Amino acid sequence: MKPAERELEEARGYLFDLLDQLNELMVREEALLSSKGILPRLSLIVSLVTMHRYQMDLVAKNYWPQLDVLISQLSQIPELKDKLREILADAEAIRALIGVSKRVS
């Protein structure tokens, strides 16, 4: 296994946890996310990432940048600050493993 493949494989575990956390958040905070206009985009990206979750190279290249921006937008919603600890930790771990710096939106 090449070094880059090892990081992608390790990132997959964090991705699975992140997807679970995001799905729970979308259910619990549906009204808030809808009112902020984030729910449709978040739902679409989470669905696409879930569909390709076993192809981590594809996720990292095609979907992660969009998901990372949405996570950044979620972190800017004051009502969600307390509920994002695990989501932000998983996102940071994935960023570190796939070699991207934190996006600013």
PDB file of N, CA and C in Angstrom:
ATOM      1  N   MET A   1       0.847  -1.180   0.000  1.00  0.00           N
ATOM      2  CA  MET A   1       0.000   0.000   0.000  1.00  0.00           C
ATOM      3  C   MET A   1       0.892   1.243   0.000  1.00  0.00           C
ATOM      4  N   LYS A   2       0.627   2.150  -0.903  1.00  0.00           N
ATOM      5  CA  LYS A   2       1.391   3.390  -0.998  1.00  0.00           C
ATOM      6  C   LYS A   2       1.039   4.302   0.177  1.00  0.00           C
ATOM      7  N   PRO A   3       1.961   5.210   0.552  1.00  0.00           N
ATOM      8  CA  PRO A   3       1.666   6.119   1.673  1.00  0.00           C
ATOM      9  C   PRO A   3       0.372   6.905   1.494  1.00  0.00           C
ATOM     10  N   ALA A   4       0.119   7.428   0.300  1.00  0.00           N
ATOM     11  CA  ALA A   4      -1.105   8.211   0.075  1.00  0.00           C
ATOM     12  C   ALA A   4      -2.347   7.336   0.243  1.00  0.00           C
ATOM     13  N   GLU A   5      -2.253   6.079  -0.166  1.00  0.00           N
ATOM     14  CA  GLU A   5      -3.384   5.164  -0.009  1.00  0.00           C
ATOM     15  C   GLU A   5      -3.656   4.890   1.464  1.00  0.00           C
ATOM     16  N   ARG A   6      -2.594   4.827   2.250  1.00  0.00           N
ATOM     17  CA  ARG A   6      -2.741   4.583   3.685  1.00  0.00           C
ATOM     18  C   ARG A   6      -3.513   5.723   4.345  1.00  0.00           C
ATOM     19  N   GLU A   7      -3.180   6.962   3.968  1.00  0.00           N
ATOM     20  CA  GLU A   7      -3.880   8.120   4.529  1.00  0.00           C
ATOM     21  C   GLU A   7      -5.348   8.133   4.112  1.00  0.00           C
ATOM     22  N   LEU A   8      -5.603   7.819   2.849  1.00  0.00           N
ATOM     23  CA  LEU A   8      -6.989   7.775   2.378  1.00  0.00           C
ATOM     24  C   LEU A   8      -7.778   6.696   3.113  1.00  0.00           C
ATOM     25  N   GLU A   9      -7.155   5.559   3.337  1.00  0.00           N
ATOM     26  CA  GLU A   9      -7.814   4.470   4.066  1.00  0.00           C
ATOM     27  C   GLU A   9      -8.125   4.893   5.501  1.00  0.00           C
ATOM     28  N   GLU A  10      -7.192   5.561   6.142  1.00  0.00           N
ATOM     29  CA  GLU A  10      -7.419   6.037   7.507  1.00  0.00           C
ATOM     30  C   GLU A  10      -8.501   7.118   7.530  1.00  0.00           C
ATOM     31  N   ALA A  11      -8.511   7.976   6.530  1.00  0.00           N
ATOM     32  CA  ALA A  11      -9.516   9.046   6.458  1.00  0.00           C
ATOM     33  C   ALA A  11     -10.918   8.470   6.307  1.00  0.00           C
ATOM     34  N   ARG A  12     -11.034   7.299   5.705  1.00  0.00           N
ATOM     35  CA  ARG A  12     -12.348   6.691   5.497  1.00  0.00           C
ATOM     36  C   ARG A  12     -13.080   6.471   6.824  1.00  0.00           C
ATOM     37  N   GLY A  13     -12.376   6.050   7.852  1.00  0.00           N
ATOM     38  CA  GLY A  13     -13.005   5.859   9.163  1.00  0.00           C
ATOM     39  C   GLY A  13     -13.587   7.155   9.702  1.00  0.00           C
ATOM     40  N   TYR A  14     -12.825   8.230   9.564  1.00  0.00           N
ATOM     41  CA  TYR A  14     -13.327   9.539   9.993  1.00  0.00           C
ATOM     42  C   TYR A  14     -14.510   9.973   9.125  1.00  0.00           C
ATOM     43  N   LEU A  15     -14.447   9.660   7.840  1.00  0.00           N
ATOM     44  CA  LEU A  15     -15.531  10.029   6.932  1.00  0.00           C
ATOM     45  C   LEU A  15     -16.830   9.323   7.321  1.00  0.00           C
ATOM     46  N   PHE A  16     -16.749   8.040   7.644  1.00  0.00           N
ATOM     47  CA  PHE A  16     -17.954   7.308   8.043  1.00  0.00           C
ATOM     48  C   PHE A  16     -18.580   7.951   9.275  1.00  0.00           C
ATOM     49  N   ASP A  17     -17.753   8.290  10.260  1.00  0.00           N
ATOM     50  CA  ASP A  17     -18.260   8.940  11.471  1.00  0.00           C
ATOM     51  C   ASP A  17     -18.849  10.307  11.134  1.00  0.00           C
ATOM     52  N   LEU A  18     -18.165  11.050  10.281  1.00  0.00           N
ATOM     53  CA  LEU A  18     -18.643  12.372   9.875  1.00  0.00           C
ATOM     54  C   LEU A  18     -20.005  12.273   9.188  1.00  0.00           C
ATOM     55  N   LEU A  19     -20.171  11.315   8.305  1.00  0.00           N
ATOM     56  CA  LEU A  19     -21.453  11.142   7.620  1.00  0.00           C
ATOM     57  C   LEU A  19     -22.570  10.823   8.611  1.00  0.00           C
ATOM     58  N   ASP A  20     -22.280   9.956   9.584  1.00  0.00           N
ATOM     59  CA  ASP A  20     -23.277   9.650  10.619  1.00  0.00           C
ATOM     60  C   ASP A  20     -23.667  10.907  11.382  1.00  0.00           C
ATOM     61  N   GLN A  21     -22.657  11.681  11.784  1.00  0.00           N
ATOM     62  CA  GLN A  21     -22.915  12.906  12.548  1.00  0.00           C
ATOM     63  C   GLN A  21     -23.713  13.917  11.729  1.00  0.00           C
ATOM     64  N   LEU A  22     -23.365  14.077  10.467  1.00  0.00           N
ATOM     65  CA  LEU A  22     -24.083  15.031   9.614  1.00  0.00           C
ATOM     66  C   LEU A  22     -25.525  14.593   9.369  1.00  0.00           C
ATOM     67  N   ASN A  23     -25.738  13.301   9.178  1.00  0.00           N
ATOM     68  CA  ASN A  23     -27.105  12.807   9.004  1.00  0.00           C
ATOM     69  C   ASN A  23     -27.940  13.062  10.255  1.00  0.00           C
ATOM     70  N   GLU A  24     -27.366  12.809  11.425  1.00  0.00           N
ATOM     71  CA  GLU A  24     -28.073  13.091  12.679  1.00  0.00           C
ATOM     72  C   GLU A  24     -28.379  14.577  12.806  1.00  0.00           C
ATOM     73  N   LEU A  25     -27.417  15.418  12.469  1.00  0.00           N
ATOM     74  CA  LEU A  25     -27.616  16.863  12.544  1.00  0.00           C
ATOM     75  C   LEU A  25     -28.738  17.306  11.604  1.00  0.00           C
ATOM     76  N   MET A  26     -28.765  16.752  10.397  1.00  0.00           N
ATOM     77  CA  MET A  26     -29.811  17.140   9.441  1.00  0.00           C
ATOM     78  C   MET A  26     -31.203  16.749   9.943  1.00  0.00           C
ATOM     79  N   VAL A  27     -31.299  15.653  10.668  1.00  0.00           N
ATOM     80  CA  VAL A  27     -32.590  15.237  11.218  1.00  0.00           C
ATOM     81  C   VAL A  27     -32.972  16.128  12.399  1.00  0.00           C
ATOM     82  N   ARG A  28     -32.028  16.326  13.324  1.00  0.00           N
ATOM     83  CA  ARG A  28     -32.314  17.107  14.541  1.00  0.00           C
ATOM     84  C   ARG A  28     -32.564  18.573  14.250  1.00  0.00           C
ATOM     85  N   GLU A  29     -31.836  19.138  13.307  1.00  0.00           N
ATOM     86  CA  GLU A  29     -31.878  20.584  13.062  1.00  0.00           C
ATOM     87  C   GLU A  29     -32.440  20.922  11.681  1.00  0.00           C
ATOM     88  N   GLU A  30     -33.368  20.112  11.219  1.00  0.00           N
ATOM     89  CA  GLU A  30     -33.916  20.296   9.873  1.00  0.00           C
ATOM     90  C   GLU A  30     -34.483  21.701   9.659  1.00  0.00           C
ATOM     91  N   ALA A  31     -35.269  22.188  10.596  1.00  0.00           N
ATOM     92  CA  ALA A  31     -35.904  23.510  10.435  1.00  0.00           C
ATOM     93  C   ALA A  31     -34.858  24.617  10.373  1.00  0.00           C
ATOM     94  N   LEU A  32     -33.878  24.564  11.259  1.00  0.00           N
ATOM     95  CA  LEU A  32     -32.828  25.585  11.284  1.00  0.00           C
ATOM     96  C   LEU A  32     -32.010  25.562   9.994  1.00  0.00           C
ATOM     97  N   LEU A  33     -31.594  24.381   9.581  1.00  0.00           N
ATOM     98  CA  LEU A  33     -30.790  24.267   8.361  1.00  0.00           C
ATOM     99  C   LEU A  33     -31.579  24.698   7.128  1.00  0.00           C
ATOM    100  N   SER A  34     -32.866  24.402   7.108  1.00  0.00           N
ATOM    101  CA  SER A  34     -33.719  24.852   5.999  1.00  0.00           C
ATOM    102  C   SER A  34     -33.831  26.365   5.979  1.00  0.00           C
ATOM    103  N   SER A  35     -34.023  26.954   7.156  1.00  0.00           N
ATOM    104  CA  SER A  35     -34.173  28.412   7.219  1.00  0.00           C
ATOM    105  C   SER A  35     -32.895  29.136   6.813  1.00  0.00           C
ATOM    106  N   LYS A  36     -31.751  28.501   7.003  1.00  0.00           N
ATOM    107  CA  LYS A  36     -30.465  29.092   6.613  1.00  0.00           C
ATOM    108  C   LYS A  36     -30.104  28.777   5.162  1.00  0.00           C
ATOM    109  N   GLY A  37     -30.908  27.934   4.505  1.00  0.00           N
ATOM    110  CA  GLY A  37     -30.665  27.598   3.105  1.00  0.00           C
ATOM    111  C   GLY A  37     -29.552  26.589   2.886  1.00  0.00           C
ATOM    112  N   ILE A  38     -29.134  25.916   3.932  1.00  0.00           N
ATOM    113  CA  ILE A  38     -28.013  24.975   3.837  1.00  0.00           C
ATOM    114  C   ILE A  38     -28.490  23.542   3.606  1.00  0.00           C
ATOM    115  N   LEU A  39     -29.668  23.208   4.077  1.00  0.00           N
ATOM    116  CA  LEU A  39     -30.130  21.819   4.042  1.00  0.00           C
ATOM    117  C   LEU A  39     -30.125  21.192   2.643  1.00  0.00           C
ATOM    118  N   PRO A  40     -30.638  21.845   1.604  1.00  0.00           N
ATOM    119  CA  PRO A  40     -30.635  21.176   0.287  1.00  0.00           C
ATOM    120  C   PRO A  40     -29.229  20.828  -0.208  1.00  0.00           C
ATOM    121  N   ARG A  41     -28.296  21.759  -0.072  1.00  0.00           N
ATOM    122  CA  ARG A  41     -26.920  21.497  -0.534  1.00  0.00           C
ATOM    123  C   ARG A  41     -26.247  20.445   0.336  1.00  0.00           C
ATOM    124  N   LEU A  42     -26.435  20.558   1.653  1.00  0.00           N
ATOM    125  CA  LEU A  42     -25.819  19.598   2.567  1.00  0.00           C
ATOM    126  C   LEU A  42     -26.364  18.194   2.311  1.00  0.00           C
ATOM    127  N   SER A  43     -27.654  18.089   2.135  1.00  0.00           N
ATOM    128  CA  SER A  43     -28.281  16.797   1.870  1.00  0.00           C
ATOM    129  C   SER A  43     -27.743  16.177   0.580  1.00  0.00           C
ATOM    130  N   LEU A  44     -27.608  16.976  -0.450  1.00  0.00           N
ATOM    131  CA  LEU A  44     -27.096  16.489  -1.732  1.00  0.00           C
ATOM    132  C   LEU A  44     -25.652  16.005  -1.605  1.00  0.00           C
ATOM    133  N   ILE A  45     -24.799  16.817  -1.014  1.00  0.00           N
ATOM    134  CA  ILE A  45     -23.381  16.447  -0.894  1.00  0.00           C
ATOM    135  C   ILE A  45     -23.208  15.229   0.004  1.00  0.00           C
ATOM    136  N   VAL A  46     -23.937  15.179   1.121  1.00  0.00           N
ATOM    137  CA  VAL A  46     -23.847  14.015   2.009  1.00  0.00           C
ATOM    138  C   VAL A  46     -24.304  12.757   1.266  1.00  0.00           C
ATOM    139  N   SER A  47     -25.343  12.872   0.457  1.00  0.00           N
ATOM    140  CA  SER A  47     -25.814  11.722  -0.329  1.00  0.00           C
ATOM    141  C   SER A  47     -24.755  11.260  -1.331  1.00  0.00           C
ATOM    142  N   LEU A  48     -24.134  12.201  -2.020  1.00  0.00           N
ATOM    143  CA  LEU A  48     -23.096  11.851  -2.998  1.00  0.00           C
ATOM    144  C   LEU A  48     -21.880  11.221  -2.322  1.00  0.00           C
ATOM    145  N   VAL A  49     -21.467  11.793  -1.208  1.00  0.00           N
ATOM    146  CA  VAL A  49     -20.316  11.242  -0.485  1.00  0.00           C
ATOM    147  C   VAL A  49     -20.653   9.846   0.033  1.00  0.00           C
ATOM    148  N   THR A  50     -21.864   9.677   0.552  1.00  0.00           N
ATOM    149  CA  THR A  50     -22.284   8.364   1.047  1.00  0.00           C
ATOM    150  C   THR A  50     -22.263   7.329  -0.077  1.00  0.00           C
ATOM    151  N   MET A  51     -22.726   7.722  -1.245  1.00  0.00           N
ATOM    152  CA  MET A  51     -22.753   6.812  -2.387  1.00  0.00           C
ATOM    153  C   MET A  51     -21.335   6.374  -2.787  1.00  0.00           C
ATOM    154  N   HIS A  52     -20.357   7.252  -2.633  1.00  0.00           N
ATOM    155  CA  HIS A  52     -18.982   6.965  -3.066  1.00  0.00           C
ATOM    156  C   HIS A  52     -18.021   6.769  -1.894  1.00  0.00           C
ATOM    157  N   ARG A  53     -18.533   6.491  -0.715  1.00  0.00           N
ATOM    158  CA  ARG A  53     -17.699   6.453   0.492  1.00  0.00           C
ATOM    159  C   ARG A  53     -16.582   5.415   0.450  1.00  0.00           C
ATOM    160  N   TYR A  54     -16.701   4.401  -0.383  1.00  0.00           N
ATOM    161  CA  TYR A  54     -15.639   3.402  -0.479  1.00  0.00           C
ATOM    162  C   TYR A  54     -14.584   3.771  -1.517  1.00  0.00           C
ATOM    163  N   GLN A  55     -14.802   4.857  -2.226  1.00  0.00           N
ATOM    164  CA  GLN A  55     -13.826   5.360  -3.197  1.00  0.00           C
ATOM    165  C   GLN A  55     -13.277   6.680  -2.655  1.00  0.00           C
ATOM    166  N   MET A  56     -12.442   6.571  -1.642  1.00  0.00           N
ATOM    167  CA  MET A  56     -11.988   7.753  -0.913  1.00  0.00           C
ATOM    168  C   MET A  56     -11.225   8.729  -1.801  1.00  0.00           C
ATOM    169  N   ASP A  57     -10.502   8.236  -2.791  1.00  0.00           N
ATOM    170  CA  ASP A  57      -9.790   9.147  -3.690  1.00  0.00           C
ATOM    171  C   ASP A  57     -10.773  10.011  -4.471  1.00  0.00           C
ATOM    172  N   LEU A  58     -11.876   9.433  -4.905  1.00  0.00           N
ATOM    173  CA  LEU A  58     -12.923  10.175  -5.606  1.00  0.00           C
ATOM    174  C   LEU A  58     -13.583  11.200  -4.678  1.00  0.00           C
ATOM    175  N   VAL A  59     -13.872  10.790  -3.456  1.00  0.00           N
ATOM    176  CA  VAL A  59     -14.469  11.706  -2.473  1.00  0.00           C
ATOM    177  C   VAL A  59     -13.524  12.869  -2.211  1.00  0.00           C
ATOM    178  N   ALA A  60     -12.248  12.567  -1.980  1.00  0.00           N
ATOM    179  CA  ALA A  60     -11.272  13.620  -1.658  1.00  0.00           C
ATOM    180  C   ALA A  60     -11.138  14.624  -2.796  1.00  0.00           C
ATOM    181  N   LYS A  61     -11.159  14.133  -4.005  1.00  0.00           N
ATOM    182  CA  LYS A  61     -10.942  15.007  -5.160  1.00  0.00           C
ATOM    183  C   LYS A  61     -12.204  15.767  -5.566  1.00  0.00           C
ATOM    184  N   ASN A  62     -13.347  15.098  -5.578  1.00  0.00           N
ATOM    185  CA  ASN A  62     -14.550  15.694  -6.161  1.00  0.00           C
ATOM    186  C   ASN A  62     -15.556  16.256  -5.168  1.00  0.00           C
ATOM    187  N   TYR A  63     -15.675  15.649  -3.996  1.00  0.00           N
ATOM    188  CA  TYR A  63     -16.748  16.049  -3.091  1.00  0.00           C
ATOM    189  C   TYR A  63     -16.267  16.725  -1.814  1.00  0.00           C
ATOM    190  N   TRP A  64     -15.067  16.380  -1.356  1.00  0.00           N
ATOM    191  CA  TRP A  64     -14.602  16.933  -0.092  1.00  0.00           C
ATOM    192  C   TRP A  64     -14.559  18.463  -0.086  1.00  0.00           C
ATOM    193  N   PRO A  65     -14.056  19.121  -1.121  1.00  0.00           N
ATOM    194  CA  PRO A  65     -14.012  20.590  -1.074  1.00  0.00           C
ATOM    195  C   PRO A  65     -15.386  21.221  -0.822  1.00  0.00           C
ATOM    196  N   GLN A  66     -16.418  20.693  -1.458  1.00  0.00           N
ATOM    197  CA  GLN A  66     -17.766  21.228  -1.259  1.00  0.00           C
ATOM    198  C   GLN A  66     -18.283  20.930   0.145  1.00  0.00           C
ATOM    199  N   LEU A  67     -18.039  19.720   0.620  1.00  0.00           N
ATOM    200  CA  LEU A  67     -18.479  19.348   1.962  1.00  0.00           C
ATOM    201  C   LEU A  67     -17.743  20.170   3.011  1.00  0.00           C
ATOM    202  N   ASP A  68     -16.468  20.409   2.787  1.00  0.00           N
ATOM    203  CA  ASP A  68     -15.665  21.201   3.715  1.00  0.00           C
ATOM    204  C   ASP A  68     -16.201  22.632   3.822  1.00  0.00           C
ATOM    205  N   VAL A  69     -16.596  23.208   2.705  1.00  0.00           N
ATOM    206  CA  VAL A  69     -17.177  24.558   2.709  1.00  0.00           C
ATOM    207  C   VAL A  69     -18.489  24.563   3.490  1.00  0.00           C
ATOM    208  N   LEU A  70     -19.320  23.549   3.289  1.00  0.00           N
ATOM    209  CA  LEU A  70     -20.592  23.474   4.011  1.00  0.00           C
ATOM    210  C   LEU A  70     -20.373  23.304   5.513  1.00  0.00           C
ATOM    211  N   ILE A  71     -19.384  22.517   5.901  1.00  0.00           N
ATOM    212  CA  ILE A  71     -19.075  22.356   7.325  1.00  0.00           C
ATOM    213  C   ILE A  71     -18.621  23.687   7.903  1.00  0.00           C
ATOM    214  N   SER A  72     -17.838  24.429   7.148  1.00  0.00           N
ATOM    215  CA  SER A  72     -17.417  25.762   7.584  1.00  0.00           C
ATOM    216  C   SER A  72     -18.625  26.678   7.762  1.00  0.00           C
ATOM    217  N   GLN A  73     -19.582  26.603   6.851  1.00  0.00           N
ATOM    218  CA  GLN A  73     -20.799  27.411   6.972  1.00  0.00           C
ATOM    219  C   GLN A  73     -21.609  26.996   8.196  1.00  0.00           C
ATOM    220  N   LEU A  74     -21.676  25.701   8.466  1.00  0.00           N
ATOM    221  CA  LEU A  74     -22.380  25.229   9.659  1.00  0.00           C
ATOM    222  C   LEU A  74     -21.746  25.792  10.923  1.00  0.00           C
ATOM    223  N   SER A  75     -20.423  25.852  10.936  1.00  0.00           N
ATOM    224  CA  SER A  75     -19.727  26.329  12.137  1.00  0.00           C
ATOM    225  C   SER A  75     -19.968  27.808  12.396  1.00  0.00           C
ATOM    226  N   GLN A  76     -20.469  28.522  11.413  1.00  0.00           N
ATOM    227  CA  GLN A  76     -20.751  29.947  11.578  1.00  0.00           C
ATOM    228  C   GLN A  76     -22.175  30.212  12.058  1.00  0.00           C
ATOM    229  N   ILE A  77     -22.973  29.178  12.239  1.00  0.00           N
ATOM    230  CA  ILE A  77     -24.344  29.335  12.735  1.00  0.00           C
ATOM    231  C   ILE A  77     -24.296  29.259  14.261  1.00  0.00           C
ATOM    232  N   PRO A  78     -24.598  30.362  14.942  1.00  0.00           N
ATOM    233  CA  PRO A  78     -24.471  30.393  16.407  1.00  0.00           C
ATOM    234  C   PRO A  78     -25.258  29.290  17.123  1.00  0.00           C
ATOM    235  N   GLU A  79     -26.432  28.949  16.630  1.00  0.00           N
ATOM    236  CA  GLU A  79     -27.257  27.931  17.287  1.00  0.00           C
ATOM    237  C   GLU A  79     -26.637  26.535  17.225  1.00  0.00           C
ATOM    238  N   LEU A  80     -25.686  26.331  16.344  1.00  0.00           N
ATOM    239  CA  LEU A  80     -25.077  25.006  16.176  1.00  0.00           C
ATOM    240  C   LEU A  80     -23.698  24.880  16.817  1.00  0.00           C
ATOM    241  N   LYS A  81     -23.161  25.965  17.325  1.00  0.00           N
ATOM    242  CA  LYS A  81     -21.781  25.955  17.847  1.00  0.00           C
ATOM    243  C   LYS A  81     -21.526  24.775  18.784  1.00  0.00           C
ATOM    244  N   ASP A  82     -22.442  24.513  19.723  1.00  0.00           N
ATOM    245  CA  ASP A  82     -22.236  23.451  20.722  1.00  0.00           C
ATOM    246  C   ASP A  82     -22.387  22.049  20.134  1.00  0.00           C
ATOM    247  N   LYS A  83     -23.057  21.934  19.009  1.00  0.00           N
ATOM    248  CA  LYS A  83     -23.416  20.626  18.463  1.00  0.00           C
ATOM    249  C   LYS A  83     -22.454  20.126  17.392  1.00  0.00           C
ATOM    250  N   LEU A  84     -21.412  20.875  17.120  1.00  0.00           N
ATOM    251  CA  LEU A  84     -20.527  20.538  15.997  1.00  0.00           C
ATOM    252  C   LEU A  84     -19.157  20.010  16.411  1.00  0.00           C
ATOM    253  N   ARG A  85     -18.931  19.812  17.686  1.00  0.00           N
ATOM    254  CA  ARG A  85     -17.598  19.428  18.161  1.00  0.00           C
ATOM    255  C   ARG A  85     -17.062  18.194  17.424  1.00  0.00           C
ATOM    256  N   GLU A  86     -17.853  17.124  17.385  1.00  0.00           N
ATOM    257  CA  GLU A  86     -17.387  15.891  16.733  1.00  0.00           C
ATOM    258  C   GLU A  86     -17.277  16.056  15.215  1.00  0.00           C
ATOM    259  N   ILE A  87     -18.203  16.789  14.642  1.00  0.00           N
ATOM    260  CA  ILE A  87     -18.169  17.033  13.194  1.00  0.00           C
ATOM    261  C   ILE A  87     -16.897  17.785  12.823  1.00  0.00           C
ATOM    262  N   LEU A  88     -16.584  18.827  13.579  1.00  0.00           N
ATOM    263  CA  LEU A  88     -15.382  19.618  13.294  1.00  0.00           C
ATOM    264  C   LEU A  88     -14.113  18.809  13.526  1.00  0.00           C
ATOM    265  N   ALA A  89     -14.112  17.956  14.550  1.00  0.00           N
ATOM    266  CA  ALA A  89     -12.940  17.112  14.819  1.00  0.00           C
ATOM    267  C   ALA A  89     -12.717  16.114  13.678  1.00  0.00           C
ATOM    268  N   ASP A  90     -13.793  15.490  13.209  1.00  0.00           N
ATOM    269  CA  ASP A  90     -13.668  14.552  12.083  1.00  0.00           C
ATOM    270  C   ASP A  90     -13.203  15.273  10.822  1.00  0.00           C
ATOM    271  N   ALA A  91     -13.769  16.450  10.570  1.00  0.00           N
ATOM    272  CA  ALA A  91     -13.382  17.216   9.377  1.00  0.00           C
ATOM    273  C   ALA A  91     -11.903  17.595   9.434  1.00  0.00           C
ATOM    274  N   GLU A  92     -11.437  18.005  10.600  1.00  0.00           N
ATOM    275  CA  GLU A  92     -10.025  18.379  10.750  1.00  0.00           C
ATOM    276  C   GLU A  92      -9.118  17.169  10.521  1.00  0.00           C
ATOM    277  N   ALA A  93      -9.513  16.017  11.044  1.00  0.00           N
ATOM    278  CA  ALA A  93      -8.722  14.797  10.845  1.00  0.00           C
ATOM    279  C   ALA A  93      -8.669  14.425   9.361  1.00  0.00           C
ATOM    280  N   ILE A  94      -9.786  14.544   8.676  1.00  0.00           N
ATOM    281  CA  ILE A  94      -9.817  14.232   7.237  1.00  0.00           C
ATOM    282  C   ILE A  94      -8.937  15.209   6.470  1.00  0.00           C
ATOM    283  N   ARG A  95      -9.039  16.498   6.803  1.00  0.00           N
ATOM    284  CA  ARG A  95      -8.189  17.500   6.137  1.00  0.00           C
ATOM    285  C   ARG A  95      -6.715  17.144   6.293  1.00  0.00           C
ATOM    286  N   ALA A  96      -6.333  16.795   7.505  1.00  0.00           N
ATOM    287  CA  ALA A  96      -4.928  16.469   7.766  1.00  0.00           C
ATOM    288  C   ALA A  96      -4.490  15.234   6.977  1.00  0.00           C
ATOM    289  N   LEU A  97      -5.343  14.241   6.907  1.00  0.00           N
ATOM    290  CA  LEU A  97      -4.978  12.994   6.238  1.00  0.00           C
ATOM    291  C   LEU A  97      -4.956  13.099   4.721  1.00  0.00           C
ATOM    292  N   ILE A  98      -5.854  13.885   4.158  1.00  0.00           N
ATOM    293  CA  ILE A  98      -5.859  13.981   2.692  1.00  0.00           C
ATOM    294  C   ILE A  98      -5.034  15.156   2.200  1.00  0.00           C
ATOM    295  N   GLY A  99      -4.467  15.902   3.134  1.00  0.00           N
ATOM    296  CA  GLY A  99      -3.508  16.936   2.761  1.00  0.00           C
ATOM    297  C   GLY A  99      -4.093  18.213   2.225  1.00  0.00           C
ATOM    298  N   VAL A 100      -5.189  18.666   2.791  1.00  0.00           N
ATOM    299  CA  VAL A 100      -5.735  19.964   2.398  1.00  0.00           C
ATOM    300  C   VAL A 100      -5.776  20.865   3.613  1.00  0.00           C
ATOM    301  N   SER A 101      -5.566  22.136   3.368  1.00  0.00           N
ATOM    302  CA  SER A 101      -5.636  23.092   4.468  1.00  0.00           C
ATOM    303  C   SER A 101      -7.084  23.505   4.671  1.00  0.00           C
ATOM    304  N   LYS A 102      -7.361  24.076   5.818  1.00  0.00           N
ATOM    305  CA  LYS A 102      -8.727  24.500   6.146  1.00  0.00           C
ATOM    306  C   LYS A 102      -9.187  25.549   5.159  1.00  0.00           C
ATOM    307  N   ARG A 103     -10.377  25.368   4.654  1.00  0.00           N
ATOM    308  CA  ARG A 103     -10.961  26.322   3.710  1.00  0.00           C
ATOM    309  C   ARG A 103     -11.599  27.456   4.481  1.00  0.00           C
ATOM    310  N   VAL A 104     -11.510  28.634   3.899  1.00  0.00           N
ATOM    311  CA  VAL A 104     -12.161  29.800   4.476  1.00  0.00           C
ATOM    312  C   VAL A 104     -13.242  30.224   3.506  1.00  0.00           C
ATOM    313  N   SER A 105     -14.460  30.363   4.024  1.00  0.00           N
ATOM    314  CA  SER A 105     -15.544  30.773   3.126  1.00  0.00           C
ATOM    315  C   SER A 105     -16.173  32.041   3.619  1.00  0.00           C
TER     316      SER A 105
END
